[in-house]
Each structure stands twice: as C-alpha cells, then as structure tokens.
Amino acid sequence: MSESDKPPKFAPIQVQLEAGKQYYWCRCGLSKNQPFCDGSHKNTGITPLAFMTDESKSAWLCVCKKTDKAPYCDGTHNRINRENGYE
C-alpha cells in the first residue's frame, strides 16, 4: 500500500476543558472542528456525545472514534495506526 493510499493516521487532541461547561464530542468523524461537533453529522443518524467535567483540566480527546472511554482517548488509535501500516 502506498503512502497516498493509506487511511489517515489518528492521534488524540489535547484540549483544555472548563468545569461545568457543556461540550459536544464528534462521534461521526466529519466535523472540521475535531474533536468537537460542528453539526456535520446531520442526516447521518449519528449524534454527538454531550459531556462536561467537574473540574477544569487538560484532557486528550479521541479522534479515531473507537475508544471505549468516549470522549477520552484510551489508546485504541495506536492499534488502528499499526493495522493501517503506520509504525
């Protein structure tokens, strides 16, 4: 598989979250504002995940959309990247 034929390489995005603020994590992967929803999911049957945190903190949010700890990264992207030929 040539480099141009490979699917995208995934990596989580580090964000600053504010305590008590509502966020919408993109589940569809179409948002241009990753990892957050921008409404691109319309007519896909997929909806964003609403979440908030009790404390202001830095967090790594998933972009591969395969995490078991949504919206937080659990490292699943590493396996996906290896399967797609990335070291």
PDB file of N, CA and C in Angstrom:
ATOM      1  N   MET A   1       0.855  -1.174   0.000  1.00  0.00           N
ATOM      2  CA  MET A   1       0.000   0.000   0.000  1.00  0.00           C
ATOM      3  C   MET A   1       0.898   1.233   0.000  1.00  0.00           C
ATOM      4  N   SER A   2       0.665   2.125  -0.935  1.00  0.00           N
ATOM      5  CA  SER A   2       1.472   3.346  -0.996  1.00  0.00           C
ATOM      6  C   SER A   2       0.994   4.330   0.071  1.00  0.00           C
ATOM      7  N   GLU A   3       1.857   5.273   0.389  1.00  0.00           N
ATOM      8  CA  GLU A   3       1.516   6.280   1.402  1.00  0.00           C
ATOM      9  C   GLU A   3       0.231   7.025   1.038  1.00  0.00           C
ATOM     10  N   SER A   4       0.019   7.297  -0.241  1.00  0.00           N
ATOM     11  CA  SER A   4      -1.162   8.056  -0.660  1.00  0.00           C
ATOM     12  C   SER A   4      -2.447   7.227  -0.562  1.00  0.00           C
ATOM     13  N   ASP A   5      -2.311   5.882  -0.494  1.00  0.00           N
ATOM     14  CA  ASP A   5      -3.480   5.011  -0.379  1.00  0.00           C
ATOM     15  C   ASP A   5      -3.864   4.719   1.066  1.00  0.00           C
ATOM     16  N   LYS A   6      -3.007   5.073   2.004  1.00  0.00           N
ATOM     17  CA  LYS A   6      -3.276   4.778   3.411  1.00  0.00           C
ATOM     18  C   LYS A   6      -4.409   5.637   3.958  1.00  0.00           C
ATOM     19  N   PRO A   7      -5.203   5.048   4.858  1.00  0.00           N
ATOM     20  CA  PRO A   7      -6.188   5.863   5.577  1.00  0.00           C
ATOM     21  C   PRO A   7      -5.452   6.873   6.450  1.00  0.00           C
ATOM     22  N   PRO A   8      -6.141   7.863   6.975  1.00  0.00           N
ATOM     23  CA  PRO A   8      -5.461   8.859   7.809  1.00  0.00           C
ATOM     24  C   PRO A   8      -4.867   8.241   9.074  1.00  0.00           C
ATOM     25  N   LYS A   9      -3.781   8.823   9.532  1.00  0.00           N
ATOM     26  CA  LYS A   9      -3.181   8.409  10.801  1.00  0.00           C
ATOM     27  C   LYS A   9      -3.906   9.166  11.912  1.00  0.00           C
ATOM     28  N   PHE A  10      -4.271   8.448  12.959  1.00  0.00           N
ATOM     29  CA  PHE A  10      -5.022   9.057  14.058  1.00  0.00           C
ATOM     30  C   PHE A  10      -4.132   9.385  15.244  1.00  0.00           C
ATOM     31  N   ALA A  11      -4.466  10.473  15.911  1.00  0.00           N
ATOM     32  CA  ALA A  11      -3.817  10.870  17.155  1.00  0.00           C
ATOM     33  C   ALA A  11      -4.837  11.673  17.958  1.00  0.00           C
ATOM     34  N   PRO A  12      -4.868  11.495  19.271  1.00  0.00           N
ATOM     35  CA  PRO A  12      -5.811  12.266  20.080  1.00  0.00           C
ATOM     36  C   PRO A  12      -5.446  13.748  20.067  1.00  0.00           C
ATOM     37  N   ILE A  13      -6.399  14.560  20.451  1.00  0.00           N
ATOM     38  CA  ILE A  13      -6.184  16.009  20.513  1.00  0.00           C
ATOM     39  C   ILE A  13      -6.272  16.453  21.970  1.00  0.00           C
ATOM     40  N   GLN A  14      -5.253  17.187  22.411  1.00  0.00           N
ATOM     41  CA  GLN A  14      -5.248  17.703  23.781  1.00  0.00           C
ATOM     42  C   GLN A  14      -6.045  18.996  23.817  1.00  0.00           C
ATOM     43  N   VAL A  15      -6.967  19.087  24.770  1.00  0.00           N
ATOM     44  CA  VAL A  15      -7.818  20.267  24.927  1.00  0.00           C
ATOM     45  C   VAL A  15      -7.858  20.690  26.390  1.00  0.00           C
ATOM     46  N   GLN A  16      -8.202  21.931  26.610  1.00  0.00           N
ATOM     47  CA  GLN A  16      -8.441  22.452  27.958  1.00  0.00           C
ATOM     48  C   GLN A  16      -9.951  22.464  28.174  1.00  0.00           C
ATOM     49  N   LEU A  17     -10.421  21.752  29.178  1.00  0.00           N
ATOM     50  CA  LEU A  17     -11.840  21.696  29.497  1.00  0.00           C
ATOM     51  C   LEU A  17     -12.119  22.552  30.726  1.00  0.00           C
ATOM     52  N   GLU A  18     -13.231  23.265  30.695  1.00  0.00           N
ATOM     53  CA  GLU A  18     -13.634  24.114  31.808  1.00  0.00           C
ATOM     54  C   GLU A  18     -14.703  23.413  32.640  1.00  0.00           C
ATOM     55  N   ALA A  19     -14.552  23.464  33.942  1.00  0.00           N
ATOM     56  CA  ALA A  19     -15.521  22.848  34.850  1.00  0.00           C
ATOM     57  C   ALA A  19     -16.921  23.400  34.591  1.00  0.00           C
ATOM     58  N   GLY A  20     -17.914  22.495  34.514  1.00  0.00           N
ATOM     59  CA  GLY A  20     -19.305  22.889  34.378  1.00  0.00           C
ATOM     60  C   GLY A  20     -19.740  23.305  32.987  1.00  0.00           C
ATOM     61  N   LYS A  21     -18.837  23.368  32.025  1.00  0.00           N
ATOM     62  CA  LYS A  21     -19.188  23.765  30.662  1.00  0.00           C
ATOM     63  C   LYS A  21     -19.597  22.526  29.865  1.00  0.00           C
ATOM     64  N   GLN A  22     -20.665  22.652  29.080  1.00  0.00           N
ATOM     65  CA  GLN A  22     -21.137  21.546  28.245  1.00  0.00           C
ATOM     66  C   GLN A  22     -20.347  21.510  26.936  1.00  0.00           C
ATOM     67  N   TYR A  23     -19.880  20.316  26.564  1.00  0.00           N
ATOM     68  CA  TYR A  23     -19.150  20.095  25.320  1.00  0.00           C
ATOM     69  C   TYR A  23     -19.883  19.033  24.501  1.00  0.00           C
ATOM     70  N   TYR A  24     -19.660  19.052  23.199  1.00  0.00           N
ATOM     71  CA  TYR A  24     -20.244  18.060  22.303  1.00  0.00           C
ATOM     72  C   TYR A  24     -19.130  17.433  21.484  1.00  0.00           C
ATOM     73  N   TRP A  25     -18.817  16.180  21.796  1.00  0.00           N
ATOM     74  CA  TRP A  25     -17.753  15.438  21.138  1.00  0.00           C
ATOM     75  C   TRP A  25     -18.288  14.821  19.853  1.00  0.00           C
ATOM     76  N   CYS A  26     -17.583  15.019  18.765  1.00  0.00           N
ATOM     77  CA  CYS A  26     -17.964  14.476  17.451  1.00  0.00           C
ATOM     78  C   CYS A  26     -17.846  12.963  17.471  1.00  0.00           C
ATOM     79  N   ARG A  27     -18.923  12.270  17.133  1.00  0.00           N
ATOM     80  CA  ARG A  27     -18.905  10.805  17.011  1.00  0.00           C
ATOM     81  C   ARG A  27     -18.791  10.351  15.562  1.00  0.00           C
ATOM     82  N   CYS A  28     -19.166  11.213  14.610  1.00  0.00           N
ATOM     83  CA  CYS A  28     -19.246  10.800  13.208  1.00  0.00           C
ATOM     84  C   CYS A  28     -17.912  10.901  12.475  1.00  0.00           C
ATOM     85  N   GLY A  29     -16.999  11.732  12.952  1.00  0.00           N
ATOM     86  CA  GLY A  29     -15.708  11.917  12.294  1.00  0.00           C
ATOM     87  C   GLY A  29     -15.720  12.938  11.169  1.00  0.00           C
ATOM     88  N   LEU A  30     -16.869  13.561  10.904  1.00  0.00           N
ATOM     89  CA  LEU A  30     -16.983  14.506   9.789  1.00  0.00           C
ATOM     90  C   LEU A  30     -16.698  15.952  10.171  1.00  0.00           C
ATOM     91  N   SER A  31     -16.701  16.259  11.453  1.00  0.00           N
ATOM     92  CA  SER A  31     -16.527  17.633  11.911  1.00  0.00           C
ATOM     93  C   SER A  31     -15.183  18.214  11.471  1.00  0.00           C
ATOM     94  N   LYS A  32     -15.190  19.444  11.034  1.00  0.00           N
ATOM     95  CA  LYS A  32     -13.957  20.167  10.706  1.00  0.00           C
ATOM     96  C   LYS A  32     -13.364  20.797  11.966  1.00  0.00           C
ATOM     97  N   ASN A  33     -14.064  20.640  13.098  1.00  0.00           N
ATOM     98  CA  ASN A  33     -13.655  21.225  14.373  1.00  0.00           C
ATOM     99  C   ASN A  33     -13.311  20.114  15.375  1.00  0.00           C
ATOM    100  N   GLN A  34     -12.628  19.055  14.904  1.00  0.00           N
ATOM    101  CA  GLN A  34     -12.291  17.923  15.767  1.00  0.00           C
ATOM    102  C   GLN A  34     -11.537  18.375  17.007  1.00  0.00           C
ATOM    103  N   PRO A  35     -11.825  17.793  18.154  1.00  0.00           N
ATOM    104  CA  PRO A  35     -12.678  16.644  18.395  1.00  0.00           C
ATOM    105  C   PRO A  35     -14.139  17.018  18.686  1.00  0.00           C
ATOM    106  N   PHE A  36     -14.480  18.266  18.481  1.00  0.00           N
ATOM    107  CA  PHE A  36     -15.822  18.734  18.819  1.00  0.00           C
ATOM    108  C   PHE A  36     -16.747  18.752  17.607  1.00  0.00           C
ATOM    109  N   CYS A  37     -18.030  18.664  17.862  1.00  0.00           N
ATOM    110  CA  CYS A  37     -19.054  18.649  16.827  1.00  0.00           C
ATOM    111  C   CYS A  37     -19.214  20.030  16.202  1.00  0.00           C
ATOM    112  N   ASP A  38     -19.406  20.047  14.873  1.00  0.00           N
ATOM    113  CA  ASP A  38     -19.731  21.296  14.179  1.00  0.00           C
ATOM    114  C   ASP A  38     -21.044  21.172  13.406  1.00  0.00           C
ATOM    115  N   GLY A  39     -21.792  20.092  13.660  1.00  0.00           N
ATOM    116  CA  GLY A  39     -23.078  19.889  13.000  1.00  0.00           C
ATOM    117  C   GLY A  39     -23.001  19.093  11.712  1.00  0.00           C
ATOM    118  N   SER A  40     -21.819  18.639  11.323  1.00  0.00           N
ATOM    119  CA  SER A  40     -21.653  17.906  10.071  1.00  0.00           C
ATOM    120  C   SER A  40     -22.363  16.549  10.066  1.00  0.00           C
ATOM    121  N   HIS A  41     -22.778  16.076  11.229  1.00  0.00           N
ATOM    122  CA  HIS A  41     -23.434  14.776  11.340  1.00  0.00           C
ATOM    123  C   HIS A  41     -24.871  14.776  10.820  1.00  0.00           C
ATOM    124  N   LYS A  42     -25.423  15.928  10.541  1.00  0.00           N
ATOM    125  CA  LYS A  42     -26.824  16.000  10.113  1.00  0.00           C
ATOM    126  C   LYS A  42     -27.094  15.015   8.983  1.00  0.00           C
ATOM    127  N   ASN A  43     -28.193  14.299   9.103  1.00  0.00           N
ATOM    128  CA  ASN A  43     -28.639  13.281   8.141  1.00  0.00           C
ATOM    129  C   ASN A  43     -27.761  12.028   8.108  1.00  0.00           C
ATOM    130  N   THR A  44     -26.923  11.812   9.123  1.00  0.00           N
ATOM    131  CA  THR A  44     -26.105  10.601   9.175  1.00  0.00           C
ATOM    132  C   THR A  44     -26.690   9.562  10.131  1.00  0.00           C
ATOM    133  N   GLY A  45     -27.593  10.006  11.015  1.00  0.00           N
ATOM    134  CA  GLY A  45     -28.110   9.104  12.047  1.00  0.00           C
ATOM    135  C   GLY A  45     -27.185   9.013  13.247  1.00  0.00           C
ATOM    136  N   ILE A  46     -26.091   9.737  13.222  1.00  0.00           N
ATOM    137  CA  ILE A  46     -25.127   9.757  14.328  1.00  0.00           C
ATOM    138  C   ILE A  46     -25.258  11.095  15.044  1.00  0.00           C
ATOM    139  N   THR A  47     -25.261  11.050  16.363  1.00  0.00           N
ATOM    140  CA  THR A  47     -25.366  12.288  17.139  1.00  0.00           C
ATOM    141  C   THR A  47     -24.118  12.472  17.991  1.00  0.00           C
ATOM    142  N   PRO A  48     -23.793  13.726  18.320  1.00  0.00           N
ATOM    143  CA  PRO A  48     -22.616  13.967  19.161  1.00  0.00           C
ATOM    144  C   PRO A  48     -22.862  13.505  20.593  1.00  0.00           C
ATOM    145  N   LEU A  49     -21.791  13.345  21.329  1.00  0.00           N
ATOM    146  CA  LEU A  49     -21.861  12.975  22.738  1.00  0.00           C
ATOM    147  C   LEU A  49     -21.724  14.240  23.577  1.00  0.00           C
ATOM    148  N   ALA A  50     -22.757  14.575  24.320  1.00  0.00           N
ATOM    149  CA  ALA A  50     -22.699  15.721  25.237  1.00  0.00           C
ATOM    150  C   ALA A  50     -21.986  15.277  26.512  1.00  0.00           C
ATOM    151  N   PHE A  51     -21.064  16.113  26.979  1.00  0.00           N
ATOM    152  CA  PHE A  51     -20.375  15.793  28.233  1.00  0.00           C
ATOM    153  C   PHE A  51     -19.901  17.071  28.908  1.00  0.00           C
ATOM    154  N   MET A  52     -19.604  16.943  30.184  1.00  0.00           N
ATOM    155  CA  MET A  52     -18.987  18.038  30.951  1.00  0.00           C
ATOM    156  C   MET A  52     -18.099  17.424  32.016  1.00  0.00           C
ATOM    157  N   THR A  53     -17.258  18.242  32.601  1.00  0.00           N
ATOM    158  CA  THR A  53     -16.357  17.781  33.642  1.00  0.00           C
ATOM    159  C   THR A  53     -16.581  18.612  34.899  1.00  0.00           C
ATOM    160  N   ASP A  54     -16.314  18.011  36.037  1.00  0.00           N
ATOM    161  CA  ASP A  54     -16.492  18.693  37.320  1.00  0.00           C
ATOM    162  C   ASP A  54     -15.331  19.611  37.657  1.00  0.00           C
ATOM    163  N   GLU A  55     -14.212  19.430  36.967  1.00  0.00           N
ATOM    164  CA  GLU A  55     -13.031  20.248  37.245  1.00  0.00           C
ATOM    165  C   GLU A  55     -12.408  20.738  35.944  1.00  0.00           C
ATOM    166  N   SER A  56     -11.837  21.904  35.959  1.00  0.00           N
ATOM    167  CA  SER A  56     -11.097  22.398  34.796  1.00  0.00           C
ATOM    168  C   SER A  56      -9.826  21.578  34.679  1.00  0.00           C
ATOM    169  N   LYS A  57      -9.558  21.092  33.474  1.00  0.00           N
ATOM    170  CA  LYS A  57      -8.386  20.230  33.299  1.00  0.00           C
ATOM    171  C   LYS A  57      -8.013  20.117  31.830  1.00  0.00           C
ATOM    172  N   SER A  58      -6.809  19.627  31.619  1.00  0.00           N
ATOM    173  CA  SER A  58      -6.333  19.279  30.292  1.00  0.00           C
ATOM    174  C   SER A  58      -6.727  17.821  30.062  1.00  0.00           C
ATOM    175  N   ALA A  59      -7.174  17.508  28.842  1.00  0.00           N
ATOM    176  CA  ALA A  59      -7.577  16.136  28.540  1.00  0.00           C
ATOM    177  C   ALA A  59      -7.237  15.806  27.090  1.00  0.00           C
ATOM    178  N   TRP A  60      -7.013  14.536  26.832  1.00  0.00           N
ATOM    179  CA  TRP A  60      -6.775  14.039  25.476  1.00  0.00           C
ATOM    180  C   TRP A  60      -8.068  13.418  24.988  1.00  0.00           C
ATOM    181  N   LEU A  61      -8.664  14.015  23.943  1.00  0.00           N
ATOM    182  CA  LEU A  61      -9.921  13.510  23.412  1.00  0.00           C
ATOM    183  C   LEU A  61      -9.668  12.689  22.150  1.00  0.00           C
ATOM    184  N   CYS A  62     -10.452  11.631  22.002  1.00  0.00           N
ATOM    185  CA  CYS A  62     -10.326  10.679  20.907  1.00  0.00           C
ATOM    186  C   CYS A  62     -10.716  11.301  19.567  1.00  0.00           C
ATOM    187  N   VAL A  63      -9.966  10.949  18.529  1.00  0.00           N
ATOM    188  CA  VAL A  63     -10.290  11.358  17.166  1.00  0.00           C
ATOM    189  C   VAL A  63     -10.575  10.131  16.286  1.00  0.00           C
ATOM    190  N   CYS A  64     -10.086   8.942  16.660  1.00  0.00           N
ATOM    191  CA  CYS A  64     -10.330   7.747  15.848  1.00  0.00           C
ATOM    192  C   CYS A  64     -11.760   7.236  15.996  1.00  0.00           C
ATOM    193  N   LYS A  65     -12.442   7.656  17.044  1.00  0.00           N
ATOM    194  CA  LYS A  65     -13.844   7.313  17.328  1.00  0.00           C
ATOM    195  C   LYS A  65     -14.045   5.866  17.744  1.00  0.00           C
ATOM    196  N   LYS A  66     -12.981   5.153  18.109  1.00  0.00           N
ATOM    197  CA  LYS A  66     -13.080   3.747  18.505  1.00  0.00           C
ATOM    198  C   LYS A  66     -12.808   3.527  19.988  1.00  0.00           C
ATOM    199  N   THR A  67     -12.602   4.595  20.748  1.00  0.00           N
ATOM    200  CA  THR A  67     -12.312   4.482  22.175  1.00  0.00           C
ATOM    201  C   THR A  67     -13.460   3.825  22.939  1.00  0.00           C
ATOM    202  N   ASP A  68     -13.121   3.126  23.991  1.00  0.00           N
ATOM    203  CA  ASP A  68     -14.137   2.572  24.902  1.00  0.00           C
ATOM    204  C   ASP A  68     -14.409   3.525  26.054  1.00  0.00           C
ATOM    205  N   LYS A  69     -13.756   4.689  26.056  1.00  0.00           N
ATOM    206  CA  LYS A  69     -13.898   5.665  27.141  1.00  0.00           C
ATOM    207  C   LYS A  69     -14.318   7.024  26.610  1.00  0.00           C
ATOM    208  N   ALA A  70     -15.176   7.036  25.606  1.00  0.00           N
ATOM    209  CA  ALA A  70     -15.606   8.285  24.954  1.00  0.00           C
ATOM    210  C   ALA A  70     -16.038   9.330  25.966  1.00  0.00           C
ATOM    211  N   PRO A  71     -15.584  10.560  25.761  1.00  0.00           N
ATOM    212  CA  PRO A  71     -14.854  11.106  24.627  1.00  0.00           C
ATOM    213  C   PRO A  71     -13.332  11.029  24.784  1.00  0.00           C
ATOM    214  N   TYR A  72     -12.881  10.397  25.861  1.00  0.00           N
ATOM    215  CA  TYR A  72     -11.453  10.399  26.173  1.00  0.00           C
ATOM    216  C   TYR A  72     -10.708   9.299  25.418  1.00  0.00           C
ATOM    217  N   CYS A  73      -9.492   9.587  25.040  1.00  0.00           N
ATOM    218  CA  CYS A  73      -8.643   8.633  24.338  1.00  0.00           C
ATOM    219  C   CYS A  73      -8.265   7.487  25.274  1.00  0.00           C
ATOM    220  N   ASP A  74      -8.332   6.246  24.760  1.00  0.00           N
ATOM    221  CA  ASP A  74      -7.884   5.083  25.527  1.00  0.00           C
ATOM    222  C   ASP A  74      -6.717   4.372  24.844  1.00  0.00           C
ATOM    223  N   GLY A  75      -6.161   4.989  23.804  1.00  0.00           N
ATOM    224  CA  GLY A  75      -5.009   4.417  23.102  1.00  0.00           C
ATOM    225  C   GLY A  75      -5.370   3.513  21.930  1.00  0.00           C
ATOM    226  N   THR A  76      -6.648   3.317  21.649  1.00  0.00           N
ATOM    227  CA  THR A  76      -7.067   2.452  20.551  1.00  0.00           C
ATOM    228  C   THR A  76      -6.476   2.892  19.221  1.00  0.00           C
ATOM    229  N   HIS A  77      -6.241   4.185  19.050  1.00  0.00           N
ATOM    230  CA  HIS A  77      -5.679   4.684  17.786  1.00  0.00           C
ATOM    231  C   HIS A  77      -4.329   4.044  17.462  1.00  0.00           C
ATOM    232  N   ASN A  78      -3.579   3.643  18.482  1.00  0.00           N
ATOM    233  CA  ASN A  78      -2.278   3.001  18.237  1.00  0.00           C
ATOM    234  C   ASN A  78      -2.449   1.698  17.459  1.00  0.00           C
ATOM    235  N   ARG A  79      -3.429   0.885  17.841  1.00  0.00           N
ATOM    236  CA  ARG A  79      -3.701  -0.369  17.141  1.00  0.00           C
ATOM    237  C   ARG A  79      -4.178  -0.089  15.717  1.00  0.00           C
ATOM    238  N   ILE A  80      -5.084   0.866  15.568  1.00  0.00           N
ATOM    239  CA  ILE A  80      -5.605   1.209  14.243  1.00  0.00           C
ATOM    240  C   ILE A  80      -4.478   1.695  13.338  1.00  0.00           C
ATOM    241  N   ASN A  81      -3.613   2.546  13.866  1.00  0.00           N
ATOM    242  CA  ASN A  81      -2.491   3.053  13.073  1.00  0.00           C
ATOM    243  C   ASN A  81      -1.573   1.913  12.632  1.00  0.00           C
ATOM    244  N   ARG A  82      -1.274   0.964  13.543  1.00  0.00           N
ATOM    245  CA  ARG A  82      -0.426  -0.188  13.184  1.00  0.00           C
ATOM    246  C   ARG A  82      -1.092  -1.017  12.083  1.00  0.00           C
ATOM    247  N   GLU A  83      -2.395  -1.277  12.218  1.00  0.00           N
ATOM    248  CA  GLU A  83      -3.127  -2.057  11.222  1.00  0.00           C
ATOM    249  C   GLU A  83      -3.117  -1.377   9.852  1.00  0.00           C
ATOM    250  N   ASN A  84      -3.021  -0.061   9.836  1.00  0.00           N
ATOM    251  CA  ASN A  84      -3.006   0.705   8.589  1.00  0.00           C
ATOM    252  C   ASN A  84      -1.589   0.964   8.076  1.00  0.00           C
ATOM    253  N   GLY A  85      -0.599   0.321   8.681  1.00  0.00           N
ATOM    254  CA  GLY A  85       0.763   0.407   8.172  1.00  0.00           C
ATOM    255  C   GLY A  85       1.606   1.526   8.745  1.00  0.00           C
ATOM    256  N   TYR A  86       1.142   2.165   9.815  1.00  0.00           N
ATOM    257  CA  TYR A  86       1.947   3.190  10.482  1.00  0.00           C
ATOM    258  C   TYR A  86       2.684   2.562  11.641  1.00  0.00           C
ATOM    259  N   GLU A  87       3.915   2.928  11.832  1.00  0.00           N
ATOM    260  CA  GLU A  87       4.706   2.389  12.946  1.00  0.00           C
ATOM    261  C   GLU A  87       4.565   3.244  14.166  1.00  0.00           C
TER     262      GLU A  87
END
